[in-house]
C-alpha atoms as a PDB file:
ATOM      1  CA  MET A   1     -24.193 -29.368  19.344  1.00  0.00           C
ATOM      2  CA  VAL A   2     -25.224 -26.554  16.986  1.00  0.00           C
ATOM      3  CA  ASP A   3     -28.350 -27.226  15.008  1.00  0.00           C
ATOM      4  CA  GLN A   4     -29.235 -25.874  11.581  1.00  0.00           C
ATOM      5  CA  PHE A   5     -31.495 -23.124  12.966  1.00  0.00           C
ATOM      6  CA  ASP A   6     -28.703 -21.605  15.073  1.00  0.00           C
ATOM      7  CA  THR A   7     -26.369 -21.605  12.072  1.00  0.00           C
ATOM      8  CA  ALA A   8     -28.974 -19.874   9.898  1.00  0.00           C
ATOM      9  CA  VAL A   9     -29.615 -17.166  12.503  1.00  0.00           C
ATOM     10  CA  THR A  10     -25.892 -16.601  13.022  1.00  0.00           C
ATOM     11  CA  GLY A  11     -25.372 -16.369   9.253  1.00  0.00           C
ATOM     12  CA  ASP A  12     -28.217 -13.859   8.966  1.00  0.00           C
ATOM     13  CA  LEU A  13     -26.695 -11.709  11.716  1.00  0.00           C
ATOM     14  CA  THR A  14     -23.318 -11.830  10.002  1.00  0.00           C
ATOM     15  CA  MET A  15     -24.874 -10.722   6.715  1.00  0.00           C
ATOM     16  CA  LEU A  16     -26.742  -7.936   8.518  1.00  0.00           C
ATOM     17  CA  ARG A  17     -23.515  -6.678  10.091  1.00  0.00           C
ATOM     18  CA  PHE A  18     -21.786  -6.898   6.699  1.00  0.00           C
ATOM     19  CA  TYR A  19     -24.603  -4.944   5.038  1.00  0.00           C
ATOM     20  CA  ARG A  20     -24.488  -2.217   7.701  1.00  0.00           C
ATOM     21  CA  ARG A  21     -20.721  -1.889   7.348  1.00  0.00           C
ATOM     22  CA  LEU A  22     -20.991  -1.789   3.562  1.00  0.00           C
ATOM     23  CA  ARG A  23     -23.722   0.854   3.691  1.00  0.00           C
ATOM     24  CA  GLU A  24     -21.638   3.112   5.953  1.00  0.00           C
ATOM     25  CA  ASP A  25     -18.460   2.706   3.894  1.00  0.00           C
ATOM     26  CA  GLU A  26     -18.088   5.660   1.517  1.00  0.00           C
ATOM     27  CA  LEU A  27     -14.617   4.922   0.154  1.00  0.00           C
ATOM     28  CA  GLY A  28     -15.992   3.124  -2.903  1.00  0.00           C
ATOM     29  CA  ALA A  29     -18.335   6.003  -3.692  1.00  0.00           C
ATOM     30  CA  THR A  30     -15.462   8.475  -3.428  1.00  0.00           C
ATOM     31  CA  ALA A  31     -13.360   6.405  -5.830  1.00  0.00           C
ATOM     32  CA  VAL A  32     -16.231   6.310  -8.316  1.00  0.00           C
ATOM     33  CA  GLU A  33     -16.675  10.076  -8.048  1.00  0.00           C
ATOM     34  CA  TYR A  34     -12.978  10.664  -8.697  1.00  0.00           C
ATOM     35  CA  GLY A  35     -13.163   8.313 -11.669  1.00  0.00           C
ATOM     36  CA  LEU A  36     -16.100  10.234 -13.117  1.00  0.00           C
ATOM     37  CA  ILE A  37     -14.285  13.545 -12.627  1.00  0.00           C
ATOM     38  CA  ALA A  38     -11.158  12.173 -14.328  1.00  0.00           C
ATOM     39  CA  GLY A  39     -13.272  10.912 -17.228  1.00  0.00           C
ATOM     40  CA  LEU A  40     -14.968  14.280 -17.606  1.00  0.00           C
ATOM     41  CA  ILE A  41     -11.614  16.091 -17.576  1.00  0.00           C
ATOM     42  CA  SER A  42     -10.347  13.686 -20.255  1.00  0.00           C
ATOM     43  CA  VAL A  43     -13.340  14.427 -22.470  1.00  0.00           C
ATOM     44  CA  VAL A  44     -12.784  18.181 -22.084  1.00  0.00           C
ATOM     45  CA  ILE A  45      -9.073  17.857 -22.922  1.00  0.00           C
ATOM     46  CA  ILE A  46      -9.741  15.706 -25.992  1.00  0.00           C
ATOM     47  CA  THR A  47     -12.433  18.079 -27.230  1.00  0.00           C
ATOM     48  CA  SER A  48     -10.117  21.061 -26.741  1.00  0.00           C
ATOM     49  CA  LEU A  49      -7.275  19.354 -28.578  1.00  0.00           C
ATOM     50  CA  VAL A  50      -9.521  18.557 -31.538  1.00  0.00           C
ATOM     51  CA  ALA A  51     -10.629  22.196 -31.735  1.00  0.00           C
ATOM     52  CA  VAL A  52      -7.036  23.454 -31.465  1.00  0.00           C
ATOM     53  CA  GLU A  53      -5.886  20.903 -34.043  1.00  0.00           C
ATOM     54  CA  ASN A  54      -8.398  22.202 -36.583  1.00  0.00           C
ATOM     55  CA  ALA A  55      -7.313  25.800 -35.990  1.00  0.00           C
ATOM     56  CA  MET A  56      -3.617  24.909 -36.140  1.00  0.00           C
ATOM     57  CA  THR A  57      -4.058  22.942 -39.362  1.00  0.00           C
ATOM     58  CA  GLY A  58      -5.619  25.983 -40.999  1.00  0.00           C
ATOM     59  CA  ALA A  59      -2.820  28.234 -39.758  1.00  0.00           C
ATOM     60  CA  PHE A  60      -0.071  25.890 -40.962  1.00  0.00           C
ATOM     61  CA  ASN A  61      -1.741  25.475 -44.356  1.00  0.00           C
ATOM     62  CA  TYR A  62      -1.934  29.276 -44.707  1.00  0.00           C
ATOM     63  CA  ILE A  63       1.749  29.684 -43.760  1.00  0.00           C
ATOM     64  CA  SER A  64       2.793  26.843 -46.053  1.00  0.00           C
ATOM     65  CA  SER A  65       0.937  28.247 -49.054  1.00  0.00           C
ATOM     66  CA  ASN A  66       2.416  31.710 -48.442  1.00  0.00           C
ATOM     67  CA  ILE A  67       5.941  30.304 -48.196  1.00  0.00           C
ATOM     68  CA  ASP A  68       5.414  28.282 -51.381  1.00  0.00           C
ATOM     69  CA  SER A  69       4.164  31.343 -53.254  1.00  0.00           C
ATOM     70  CA  ALA A  70       7.060  33.452 -51.924  1.00  0.00           C
ATOM     71  CA  LEU A  71       9.641  30.895 -53.035  1.00  0.00           C
ATOM     72  CA  ASN A  72       8.196  30.562 -56.539  1.00  0.00           C
END
């Protein structure tokens, strides 16, 4: 018959093994790093597109006003 003390010790050993395995596992950390890199790349792309959009709007407005003045 297993008493309560043996069950508690066995449970503690199981948790200790689980903790050691979890501490040595680096797959989760790698996934987080890739997620952070992807987020950073997204921020750079969005910032670049906003800057290009402002420049392109100015260029198209200039072309449009010149075409309008040429047609009139």
